[in-house]
Every structure is written in C-alpha cells, then in structure tokens.
Amino acid sequence: MKWLLDQDGVAAIPKASRRESQQANLDALKITLDDADREKIAALAKDRRCVNPGFAPAWD
C-alpha cells in the first residue's frame, strides 16, 4: 500500500470493510520506504501474481 501511495499519478483505493483492515491501510502512511525498497518492489515480476487467493478471478 505504501508503495502505491508513493507513486505519482496513482490513486490507491483500498477496499476494506473490517476495522482491522482499515487500520492496516491507515498504518501504511507511517511506513517509510527508501530507494532500495522501491527498487526491490519495482523489480518484482509483473506477469504473475505473488498471492493467488481462491476467490481471485482467472486472469490471462
């Protein structure tokens, strides 16, 4: 979430109905990412999911 919030021109719109999830989203504002963190996140594979829950749609 913090990485998304740091991106120019990107609107991060989280969906959270549980209070704990809402708080976790707000807590992302307290996190500080340095350049090395951003580079590692940007280097993650973009052609596959890192998390694939059972309810996720089947993407091409």
PDB file of N, CA and C in Angstrom:
ATOM      1  N   MET A   1       0.823  -1.179   0.000  1.00  0.00           N
ATOM      2  CA  MET A   1       0.000   0.000   0.000  1.00  0.00           C
ATOM      3  C   MET A   1       0.874   1.253   0.000  1.00  0.00           C
ATOM      4  N   LYS A   2       1.905   1.263   0.823  1.00  0.00           N
ATOM      5  CA  LYS A   2       2.761   2.451   0.887  1.00  0.00           C
ATOM      6  C   LYS A   2       3.426   2.711  -0.456  1.00  0.00           C
ATOM      7  N   TRP A   3       3.860   1.656  -1.133  1.00  0.00           N
ATOM      8  CA  TRP A   3       4.498   1.828  -2.440  1.00  0.00           C
ATOM      9  C   TRP A   3       3.530   2.492  -3.405  1.00  0.00           C
ATOM     10  N   LEU A   4       2.273   2.060  -3.404  1.00  0.00           N
ATOM     11  CA  LEU A   4       1.272   2.680  -4.269  1.00  0.00           C
ATOM     12  C   LEU A   4       1.052   4.143  -3.907  1.00  0.00           C
ATOM     13  N   LEU A   5       0.985   4.424  -2.618  1.00  0.00           N
ATOM     14  CA  LEU A   5       0.764   5.801  -2.176  1.00  0.00           C
ATOM     15  C   LEU A   5       1.904   6.721  -2.596  1.00  0.00           C
ATOM     16  N   ASP A   6       3.097   6.176  -2.724  1.00  0.00           N
ATOM     17  CA  ASP A   6       4.268   6.973  -3.113  1.00  0.00           C
ATOM     18  C   ASP A   6       4.359   7.219  -4.618  1.00  0.00           C
ATOM     19  N   GLN A   7       3.530   6.560  -5.424  1.00  0.00           N
ATOM     20  CA  GLN A   7       3.607   6.688  -6.876  1.00  0.00           C
ATOM     21  C   GLN A   7       2.915   7.963  -7.356  1.00  0.00           C
ATOM     22  N   ASP A   8       3.570   8.697  -8.240  1.00  0.00           N
ATOM     23  CA  ASP A   8       2.953   9.867  -8.859  1.00  0.00           C
ATOM     24  C   ASP A   8       1.879   9.417  -9.841  1.00  0.00           C
ATOM     25  N   GLY A   9       0.753  10.078  -9.816  1.00  0.00           N
ATOM     26  CA  GLY A   9      -0.305   9.800 -10.773  1.00  0.00           C
ATOM     27  C   GLY A   9      -1.081   8.516 -10.514  1.00  0.00           C
ATOM     28  N   VAL A  10      -0.912   7.933  -9.342  1.00  0.00           N
ATOM     29  CA  VAL A  10      -1.623   6.700  -8.998  1.00  0.00           C
ATOM     30  C   VAL A  10      -2.536   6.969  -7.815  1.00  0.00           C
ATOM     31  N   ALA A  11      -3.781   6.564  -7.939  1.00  0.00           N
ATOM     32  CA  ALA A  11      -4.728   6.676  -6.829  1.00  0.00           C
ATOM     33  C   ALA A  11      -4.941   5.288  -6.240  1.00  0.00           C
ATOM     34  N   ALA A  12      -4.505   5.106  -5.014  1.00  0.00           N
ATOM     35  CA  ALA A  12      -4.696   3.832  -4.325  1.00  0.00           C
ATOM     36  C   ALA A  12      -6.039   3.885  -3.607  1.00  0.00           C
ATOM     37  N   ILE A  13      -6.952   3.015  -4.005  1.00  0.00           N
ATOM     38  CA  ILE A  13      -8.290   2.982  -3.409  1.00  0.00           C
ATOM     39  C   ILE A  13      -8.479   1.602  -2.787  1.00  0.00           C
ATOM     40  N   PRO A  14      -8.136   1.464  -1.509  1.00  0.00           N
ATOM     41  CA  PRO A  14      -8.267   0.149  -0.878  1.00  0.00           C
ATOM     42  C   PRO A  14      -9.720  -0.175  -0.560  1.00  0.00           C
ATOM     43  N   LYS A  15     -10.034  -1.463  -0.597  1.00  0.00           N
ATOM     44  CA  LYS A  15     -11.355  -1.927  -0.181  1.00  0.00           C
ATOM     45  C   LYS A  15     -11.161  -2.648   1.150  1.00  0.00           C
ATOM     46  N   ALA A  16     -11.714  -2.072   2.183  1.00  0.00           N
ATOM     47  CA  ALA A  16     -11.584  -2.682   3.499  1.00  0.00           C
ATOM     48  C   ALA A  16     -12.868  -2.441   4.281  1.00  0.00           C
ATOM     49  N   SER A  17     -13.547  -3.511   4.610  1.00  0.00           N
ATOM     50  CA  SER A  17     -14.768  -3.362   5.389  1.00  0.00           C
ATOM     51  C   SER A  17     -14.533  -3.667   6.865  1.00  0.00           C
ATOM     52  N   ARG A  18     -13.519  -4.473   7.132  1.00  0.00           N
ATOM     53  CA  ARG A  18     -13.214  -4.783   8.539  1.00  0.00           C
ATOM     54  C   ARG A  18     -12.373  -3.669   9.152  1.00  0.00           C
ATOM     55  N   ARG A  19     -12.654  -3.370  10.396  1.00  0.00           N
ATOM     56  CA  ARG A  19     -11.946  -2.302  11.102  1.00  0.00           C
ATOM     57  C   ARG A  19     -10.426  -2.550  11.105  1.00  0.00           C
ATOM     58  N   GLU A  20     -10.016  -3.806  11.292  1.00  0.00           N
ATOM     59  CA  GLU A  20      -8.589  -4.139  11.341  1.00  0.00           C
ATOM     60  C   GLU A  20      -7.919  -3.845   9.996  1.00  0.00           C
ATOM     61  N   SER A  21      -8.606  -4.144   8.917  1.00  0.00           N
ATOM     62  CA  SER A  21      -8.056  -3.886   7.591  1.00  0.00           C
ATOM     63  C   SER A  21      -7.982  -2.394   7.310  1.00  0.00           C
ATOM     64  N   GLN A  22      -8.989  -1.657   7.743  1.00  0.00           N
ATOM     65  CA  GLN A  22      -8.969  -0.198   7.584  1.00  0.00           C
ATOM     66  C   GLN A  22      -7.790   0.396   8.338  1.00  0.00           C
ATOM     67  N   GLN A  23      -7.552  -0.103   9.557  1.00  0.00           N
ATOM     68  CA  GLN A  23      -6.433   0.399  10.347  1.00  0.00           C
ATOM     69  C   GLN A  23      -5.102   0.055   9.689  1.00  0.00           C
ATOM     70  N   ALA A  24      -4.992  -1.148   9.138  1.00  0.00           N
ATOM     71  CA  ALA A  24      -3.762  -1.544   8.450  1.00  0.00           C
ATOM     72  C   ALA A  24      -3.495  -0.629   7.266  1.00  0.00           C
ATOM     73  N   ASN A  25      -4.547  -0.246   6.539  1.00  0.00           N
ATOM     74  CA  ASN A  25      -4.374   0.677   5.418  1.00  0.00           C
ATOM     75  C   ASN A  25      -3.891   2.034   5.901  1.00  0.00           C
ATOM     76  N   LEU A  26      -4.460   2.533   6.986  1.00  0.00           N
ATOM     77  CA  LEU A  26      -4.021   3.821   7.543  1.00  0.00           C
ATOM     78  C   LEU A  26      -2.586   3.738   8.061  1.00  0.00           C
ATOM     79  N   ASP A  27      -2.220   2.601   8.636  1.00  0.00           N
ATOM     80  CA  ASP A  27      -0.865   2.420   9.162  1.00  0.00           C
ATOM     81  C   ASP A  27       0.186   2.477   8.055  1.00  0.00           C
ATOM     82  N   ALA A  28      -0.207   2.225   6.816  1.00  0.00           N
ATOM     83  CA  ALA A  28       0.736   2.314   5.697  1.00  0.00           C
ATOM     84  C   ALA A  28       1.305   3.718   5.574  1.00  0.00           C
ATOM     85  N   LEU A  29       0.572   4.712   6.050  1.00  0.00           N
ATOM     86  CA  LEU A  29       1.059   6.098   5.985  1.00  0.00           C
ATOM     87  C   LEU A  29       2.262   6.314   6.897  1.00  0.00           C
ATOM     88  N   LYS A  30       2.450   5.434   7.866  1.00  0.00           N
ATOM     89  CA  LYS A  30       3.556   5.567   8.828  1.00  0.00           C
ATOM     90  C   LYS A  30       4.837   4.900   8.344  1.00  0.00           C
ATOM     91  N   ILE A  31       4.748   4.133   7.276  1.00  0.00           N
ATOM     92  CA  ILE A  31       5.896   3.385   6.768  1.00  0.00           C
ATOM     93  C   ILE A  31       6.758   4.291   5.891  1.00  0.00           C
ATOM     94  N   THR A  32       8.058   4.116   5.991  1.00  0.00           N
ATOM     95  CA  THR A  32       8.991   4.845   5.141  1.00  0.00           C
ATOM     96  C   THR A  32       9.738   3.850   4.265  1.00  0.00           C
ATOM     97  N   LEU A  33       9.664   4.054   2.960  1.00  0.00           N
ATOM     98  CA  LEU A  33      10.410   3.221   2.021  1.00  0.00           C
ATOM     99  C   LEU A  33      11.607   4.006   1.519  1.00  0.00           C
ATOM    100  N   ASP A  34      12.771   3.364   1.510  1.00  0.00           N
ATOM    101  CA  ASP A  34      13.931   4.039   0.933  1.00  0.00           C
ATOM    102  C   ASP A  34      14.070   3.615  -0.534  1.00  0.00           C
ATOM    103  N   ASP A  35      15.050   4.170  -1.208  1.00  0.00           N
ATOM    104  CA  ASP A  35      15.231   3.879  -2.633  1.00  0.00           C
ATOM    105  C   ASP A  35      15.460   2.396  -2.893  1.00  0.00           C
ATOM    106  N   ALA A  36      16.189   1.737  -1.996  1.00  0.00           N
ATOM    107  CA  ALA A  36      16.452   0.303  -2.167  1.00  0.00           C
ATOM    108  C   ALA A  36      15.145  -0.491  -2.068  1.00  0.00           C
ATOM    109  N   ASP A  37      14.278  -0.115  -1.128  1.00  0.00           N
ATOM    110  CA  ASP A  37      12.976  -0.779  -1.008  1.00  0.00           C
ATOM    111  C   ASP A  37      12.167  -0.606  -2.288  1.00  0.00           C
ATOM    112  N   ARG A  38      12.112   0.615  -2.793  1.00  0.00           N
ATOM    113  CA  ARG A  38      11.336   0.895  -4.005  1.00  0.00           C
ATOM    114  C   ARG A  38      11.875   0.125  -5.206  1.00  0.00           C
ATOM    115  N   GLU A  39      13.195   0.005  -5.301  1.00  0.00           N
ATOM    116  CA  GLU A  39      13.801  -0.740  -6.408  1.00  0.00           C
ATOM    117  C   GLU A  39      13.443  -2.217  -6.337  1.00  0.00           C
ATOM    118  N   LYS A  40      13.462  -2.784  -5.130  1.00  0.00           N
ATOM    119  CA  LYS A  40      13.114  -4.203  -4.970  1.00  0.00           C
ATOM    120  C   LYS A  40      11.658  -4.437  -5.338  1.00  0.00           C
ATOM    121  N   ILE A  41      10.781  -3.559  -4.913  1.00  0.00           N
ATOM    122  CA  ILE A  41       9.358  -3.714  -5.231  1.00  0.00           C
ATOM    123  C   ILE A  41       9.137  -3.548  -6.734  1.00  0.00           C
ATOM    124  N   ALA A  42       9.775  -2.563  -7.336  1.00  0.00           N
ATOM    125  CA  ALA A  42       9.628  -2.322  -8.774  1.00  0.00           C
ATOM    126  C   ALA A  42      10.166  -3.494  -9.595  1.00  0.00           C
ATOM    127  N   ALA A  43      11.112  -4.243  -9.048  1.00  0.00           N
ATOM    128  CA  ALA A  43      11.720  -5.365  -9.769  1.00  0.00           C
ATOM    129  C   ALA A  43      10.890  -6.645  -9.687  1.00  0.00           C
ATOM    130  N   LEU A  44       9.838  -6.660  -8.882  1.00  0.00           N
ATOM    131  CA  LEU A  44       9.003  -7.864  -8.792  1.00  0.00           C
ATOM    132  C   LEU A  44       8.375  -8.175 -10.141  1.00  0.00           C
ATOM    133  N   ALA A  45       8.203  -9.455 -10.409  1.00  0.00           N
ATOM    134  CA  ALA A  45       7.604  -9.889 -11.678  1.00  0.00           C
ATOM    135  C   ALA A  45       6.196  -9.307 -11.814  1.00  0.00           C
ATOM    136  N   LYS A  46       5.902  -8.788 -12.989  1.00  0.00           N
ATOM    137  CA  LYS A  46       4.598  -8.179 -13.234  1.00  0.00           C
ATOM    138  C   LYS A  46       3.703  -9.077 -14.083  1.00  0.00           C
ATOM    139  N   ASP A  47       4.224 -10.241 -14.474  1.00  0.00           N
ATOM    140  CA  ASP A  47       3.450 -11.136 -15.319  1.00  0.00           C
ATOM    141  C   ASP A  47       2.827 -12.293 -14.543  1.00  0.00           C
ATOM    142  N   ARG A  48       2.879 -12.216 -13.221  1.00  0.00           N
ATOM    143  CA  ARG A  48       2.259 -13.263 -12.402  1.00  0.00           C
ATOM    144  C   ARG A  48       1.885 -12.682 -11.043  1.00  0.00           C
ATOM    145  N   ARG A  49       0.988 -13.391 -10.379  1.00  0.00           N
ATOM    146  CA  ARG A  49       0.551 -12.972  -9.050  1.00  0.00           C
ATOM    147  C   ARG A  49       1.525 -13.470  -7.995  1.00  0.00           C
ATOM    148  N   CYS A  50       1.742 -12.670  -6.978  1.00  0.00           N
ATOM    149  CA  CYS A  50       2.530 -13.117  -5.829  1.00  0.00           C
ATOM    150  C   CYS A  50       1.619 -13.827  -4.832  1.00  0.00           C
ATOM    151  N   VAL A  51       0.360 -13.419  -4.809  1.00  0.00           N
ATOM    152  CA  VAL A  51      -0.647 -14.029  -3.948  1.00  0.00           C
ATOM    153  C   VAL A  51      -1.820 -14.386  -4.842  1.00  0.00           C
ATOM    154  N   ASN A  52      -2.317 -15.579  -4.735  1.00  0.00           N
ATOM    155  CA  ASN A  52      -3.399 -16.025  -5.595  1.00  0.00           C
ATOM    156  C   ASN A  52      -4.482 -16.704  -4.749  1.00  0.00           C
ATOM    157  N   PRO A  53      -5.338 -15.900  -4.098  1.00  0.00           N
ATOM    158  CA  PRO A  53      -6.381 -16.496  -3.254  1.00  0.00           C
ATOM    159  C   PRO A  53      -7.425 -17.234  -4.084  1.00  0.00           C
ATOM    160  N   GLY A  54      -8.126 -18.130  -3.471  1.00  0.00           N
ATOM    161  CA  GLY A  54      -9.118 -18.941  -4.164  1.00  0.00           C
ATOM    162  C   GLY A  54     -10.238 -18.132  -4.796  1.00  0.00           C
ATOM    163  N   PHE A  55     -10.529 -16.950  -4.250  1.00  0.00           N
ATOM    164  CA  PHE A  55     -11.621 -16.130  -4.778  1.00  0.00           C
ATOM    165  C   PHE A  55     -11.182 -15.231  -5.933  1.00  0.00           C
ATOM    166  N   ALA A  56      -9.894 -15.235  -6.266  1.00  0.00           N
ATOM    167  CA  ALA A  56      -9.381 -14.357  -7.324  1.00  0.00           C
ATOM    168  C   ALA A  56      -9.883 -14.824  -8.688  1.00  0.00           C
ATOM    169  N   PRO A  57     -10.182 -13.867  -9.568  1.00  0.00           N
ATOM    170  CA  PRO A  57     -10.609 -14.261 -10.923  1.00  0.00           C
ATOM    171  C   PRO A  57      -9.457 -14.881 -11.712  1.00  0.00           C
ATOM    172  N   ALA A  58      -9.782 -15.641 -12.715  1.00  0.00           N
ATOM    173  CA  ALA A  58      -8.771 -16.249 -13.590  1.00  0.00           C
ATOM    174  C   ALA A  58      -8.342 -15.204 -14.628  1.00  0.00           C
ATOM    175  N   TRP A  59      -7.155 -14.661 -14.459  1.00  0.00           N
ATOM    176  CA  TRP A  59      -6.635 -13.644 -15.381  1.00  0.00           C
ATOM    177  C   TRP A  59      -5.828 -14.323 -16.471  1.00  0.00           C
ATOM    178  N   ASP A  60      -5.785 -13.712 -17.619  1.00  0.00           N
ATOM    179  CA  ASP A  60      -4.952 -14.220 -18.725  1.00  0.00           C
ATOM    180  C   ASP A  60      -3.517 -13.861 -18.488  1.00  0.00           C
TER     181      ASP A  60
END
